[in-house]
Amino acid sequence: MAEVLAEMVAGVRKVVVQAGDTVSEGDTLVILESMKMEIPVLCEESGVVARVGVAEGDTVQEGDLIAVIE
């Protein structure tokens, strides 16, 4: 099981995956927006999305849970 955490303070622009989706290493999980730049959050290992911890429009702080991959 791997937790994907936010690396910076940013807004959640788009959630690309949902619980139950199969993902591969390098797939985009969510797109964050900070200082008018879009930053994709990529999956670091293959698996199934067990949980998505953010919704579009949320603001995440550094260390906040974005998703859990099993």
N, C-alpha and C. Protein backbone atom coordinates (compact mmCIF):
# COMPACT_ATOMS: atom_id res chain seq x y z
N MET A 1 0.85 -1.18 0.00
CA MET A 1 0.00 0.00 0.00
C MET A 1 0.89 1.24 0.00
N ALA A 2 0.55 2.20 -0.83
CA ALA A 2 1.33 3.43 -0.91
C ALA A 2 0.40 4.63 -0.76
N GLU A 3 0.81 5.55 0.08
CA GLU A 3 0.07 6.80 0.22
C GLU A 3 0.71 7.85 -0.67
N VAL A 4 -0.09 8.56 -1.42
CA VAL A 4 0.39 9.67 -2.25
C VAL A 4 0.05 10.94 -1.49
N LEU A 5 1.08 11.73 -1.16
CA LEU A 5 0.90 12.93 -0.36
C LEU A 5 1.21 14.18 -1.18
N ALA A 6 0.56 15.28 -0.82
CA ALA A 6 0.82 16.57 -1.48
C ALA A 6 2.22 17.05 -1.11
N GLU A 7 2.93 17.57 -2.07
CA GLU A 7 4.28 18.07 -1.84
C GLU A 7 4.32 19.58 -1.65
N MET A 8 3.15 20.24 -1.81
CA MET A 8 3.10 21.69 -1.69
C MET A 8 1.67 22.13 -1.40
N VAL A 9 1.52 23.37 -1.02
CA VAL A 9 0.19 23.96 -0.88
C VAL A 9 -0.32 24.28 -2.29
N ALA A 10 -1.51 23.79 -2.61
CA ALA A 10 -2.06 23.99 -3.96
C ALA A 10 -3.56 23.73 -3.95
N GLY A 11 -4.20 24.17 -5.00
CA GLY A 11 -5.62 23.87 -5.19
C GLY A 11 -5.75 22.63 -6.05
N VAL A 12 -6.80 21.85 -5.80
CA VAL A 12 -7.07 20.66 -6.61
C VAL A 12 -7.91 21.10 -7.81
N ARG A 13 -7.28 21.10 -8.97
CA ARG A 13 -7.97 21.53 -10.19
C ARG A 13 -8.82 20.42 -10.77
N LYS A 14 -8.27 19.19 -10.83
CA LYS A 14 -9.01 18.08 -11.43
C LYS A 14 -8.60 16.77 -10.77
N VAL A 15 -9.58 15.94 -10.46
CA VAL A 15 -9.33 14.59 -9.96
C VAL A 15 -9.52 13.66 -11.15
N VAL A 16 -8.46 12.93 -11.52
CA VAL A 16 -8.48 12.12 -12.73
C VAL A 16 -8.93 10.68 -12.44
N VAL A 17 -8.67 10.17 -11.23
CA VAL A 17 -9.00 8.79 -10.89
C VAL A 17 -10.06 8.74 -9.80
N GLN A 18 -10.63 7.57 -9.62
CA GLN A 18 -11.56 7.35 -8.53
C GLN A 18 -11.26 5.99 -7.91
N ALA A 19 -11.78 5.76 -6.72
CA ALA A 19 -11.55 4.49 -6.03
C ALA A 19 -11.98 3.33 -6.92
N GLY A 20 -11.12 2.31 -6.97
CA GLY A 20 -11.40 1.14 -7.80
C GLY A 20 -10.69 1.15 -9.13
N ASP A 21 -10.17 2.30 -9.55
CA ASP A 21 -9.44 2.39 -10.83
C ASP A 21 -8.09 1.68 -10.72
N THR A 22 -7.70 1.00 -11.79
CA THR A 22 -6.37 0.40 -11.88
C THR A 22 -5.44 1.44 -12.49
N VAL A 23 -4.28 1.66 -11.85
CA VAL A 23 -3.32 2.66 -12.32
C VAL A 23 -1.95 2.02 -12.50
N SER A 24 -1.17 2.62 -13.37
CA SER A 24 0.20 2.18 -13.61
C SER A 24 1.16 3.28 -13.19
N GLU A 25 2.39 2.90 -12.94
CA GLU A 25 3.41 3.88 -12.59
C GLU A 25 3.47 4.96 -13.66
N GLY A 26 3.43 6.23 -13.24
CA GLY A 26 3.48 7.36 -14.17
C GLY A 26 2.13 7.91 -14.56
N ASP A 27 1.03 7.22 -14.22
CA ASP A 27 -0.31 7.73 -14.52
C ASP A 27 -0.60 8.97 -13.66
N THR A 28 -1.37 9.89 -14.21
CA THR A 28 -1.78 11.09 -13.46
C THR A 28 -2.95 10.74 -12.56
N LEU A 29 -2.83 11.11 -11.27
CA LEU A 29 -3.91 10.87 -10.31
C LEU A 29 -4.79 12.11 -10.17
N VAL A 30 -4.16 13.25 -9.94
CA VAL A 30 -4.88 14.53 -9.84
C VAL A 30 -4.01 15.61 -10.47
N ILE A 31 -4.63 16.73 -10.76
CA ILE A 31 -3.89 17.90 -11.26
C ILE A 31 -4.09 19.01 -10.23
N LEU A 32 -2.97 19.49 -9.71
CA LEU A 32 -2.99 20.59 -8.75
C LEU A 32 -2.71 21.89 -9.48
N GLU A 33 -3.11 23.00 -8.88
CA GLU A 33 -2.83 24.31 -9.45
C GLU A 33 -2.23 25.19 -8.37
N SER A 34 -1.07 25.76 -8.70
CA SER A 34 -0.39 26.67 -7.79
C SER A 34 0.26 27.77 -8.61
N MET A 35 0.00 29.01 -8.24
CA MET A 35 0.57 30.16 -8.94
C MET A 35 0.30 30.10 -10.45
N LYS A 36 -0.94 29.71 -10.79
CA LYS A 36 -1.42 29.64 -12.18
C LYS A 36 -0.73 28.56 -13.00
N MET A 37 -0.01 27.66 -12.34
CA MET A 37 0.64 26.53 -13.03
C MET A 37 -0.10 25.25 -12.67
N GLU A 38 -0.28 24.37 -13.66
CA GLU A 38 -0.89 23.07 -13.40
C GLU A 38 0.22 22.06 -13.13
N ILE A 39 0.07 21.32 -12.03
CA ILE A 39 1.08 20.35 -11.62
C ILE A 39 0.42 18.98 -11.50
N PRO A 40 0.77 18.04 -12.39
CA PRO A 40 0.19 16.70 -12.27
C PRO A 40 0.84 15.94 -11.10
N VAL A 41 0.01 15.20 -10.36
CA VAL A 41 0.52 14.30 -9.32
C VAL A 41 0.49 12.91 -9.93
N LEU A 42 1.67 12.30 -10.04
CA LEU A 42 1.80 11.03 -10.74
C LEU A 42 1.84 9.86 -9.77
N CYS A 43 1.36 8.72 -10.25
CA CYS A 43 1.39 7.48 -9.48
C CYS A 43 2.82 6.94 -9.50
N GLU A 44 3.34 6.57 -8.33
CA GLU A 44 4.71 6.08 -8.24
C GLU A 44 4.81 4.57 -8.32
N GLU A 45 3.67 3.86 -8.24
CA GLU A 45 3.68 2.41 -8.40
C GLU A 45 2.34 1.95 -8.95
N SER A 46 2.35 0.82 -9.61
CA SER A 46 1.12 0.27 -10.19
C SER A 46 0.25 -0.33 -9.09
N GLY A 47 -1.06 -0.33 -9.32
CA GLY A 47 -1.98 -0.92 -8.35
C GLY A 47 -3.39 -0.46 -8.60
N VAL A 48 -4.20 -0.55 -7.54
CA VAL A 48 -5.60 -0.14 -7.59
C VAL A 48 -5.79 1.01 -6.61
N VAL A 49 -6.52 2.02 -7.04
CA VAL A 49 -6.80 3.17 -6.18
C VAL A 49 -7.78 2.70 -5.10
N ALA A 50 -7.31 2.69 -3.84
CA ALA A 50 -8.16 2.27 -2.73
C ALA A 50 -8.99 3.45 -2.21
N ARG A 51 -8.40 4.64 -2.28
CA ARG A 51 -9.08 5.82 -1.73
C ARG A 51 -8.54 7.07 -2.39
N VAL A 52 -9.42 8.01 -2.67
CA VAL A 52 -9.01 9.34 -3.12
C VAL A 52 -9.37 10.29 -1.98
N GLY A 53 -8.37 11.03 -1.49
CA GLY A 53 -8.57 11.87 -0.32
C GLY A 53 -8.86 13.32 -0.61
N VAL A 54 -9.03 13.68 -1.88
CA VAL A 54 -9.29 15.07 -2.25
C VAL A 54 -10.44 15.14 -3.25
N ALA A 55 -11.00 16.32 -3.36
CA ALA A 55 -12.05 16.58 -4.36
C ALA A 55 -11.69 17.86 -5.11
N GLU A 56 -12.23 18.00 -6.31
CA GLU A 56 -11.98 19.20 -7.09
C GLU A 56 -12.42 20.42 -6.30
N GLY A 57 -11.57 21.44 -6.28
CA GLY A 57 -11.87 22.66 -5.54
C GLY A 57 -11.25 22.70 -4.16
N ASP A 58 -10.78 21.55 -3.65
CA ASP A 58 -10.11 21.53 -2.34
C ASP A 58 -8.78 22.26 -2.41
N THR A 59 -8.30 22.68 -1.26
CA THR A 59 -6.94 23.20 -1.13
C THR A 59 -6.18 22.21 -0.25
N VAL A 60 -5.02 21.75 -0.74
CA VAL A 60 -4.21 20.81 0.03
C VAL A 60 -2.99 21.52 0.61
N GLN A 61 -2.59 21.05 1.76
CA GLN A 61 -1.38 21.54 2.41
C GLN A 61 -0.29 20.48 2.20
N GLU A 62 0.96 20.87 2.33
CA GLU A 62 2.06 19.92 2.21
C GLU A 62 1.83 18.76 3.18
N GLY A 63 1.90 17.53 2.69
CA GLY A 63 1.72 16.35 3.52
C GLY A 63 0.30 15.80 3.56
N ASP A 64 -0.67 16.52 2.99
CA ASP A 64 -2.05 16.03 2.96
C ASP A 64 -2.16 14.80 2.06
N LEU A 65 -3.05 13.88 2.44
CA LEU A 65 -3.27 12.65 1.66
C LEU A 65 -4.03 12.98 0.38
N ILE A 66 -3.47 12.54 -0.75
CA ILE A 66 -4.15 12.71 -2.04
C ILE A 66 -4.85 11.41 -2.42
N ALA A 67 -4.13 10.28 -2.30
CA ALA A 67 -4.72 8.99 -2.67
C ALA A 67 -3.95 7.86 -1.98
N VAL A 68 -4.61 6.71 -1.93
CA VAL A 68 -3.98 5.48 -1.44
C VAL A 68 -4.03 4.46 -2.57
N ILE A 69 -2.87 3.90 -2.89
CA ILE A 69 -2.76 2.89 -3.95
C ILE A 69 -2.44 1.55 -3.31
N GLU A 70 -3.21 0.52 -3.64
CA GLU A 70 -2.93 -0.83 -3.11
C GLU A 70 -2.42 -1.72 -4.21
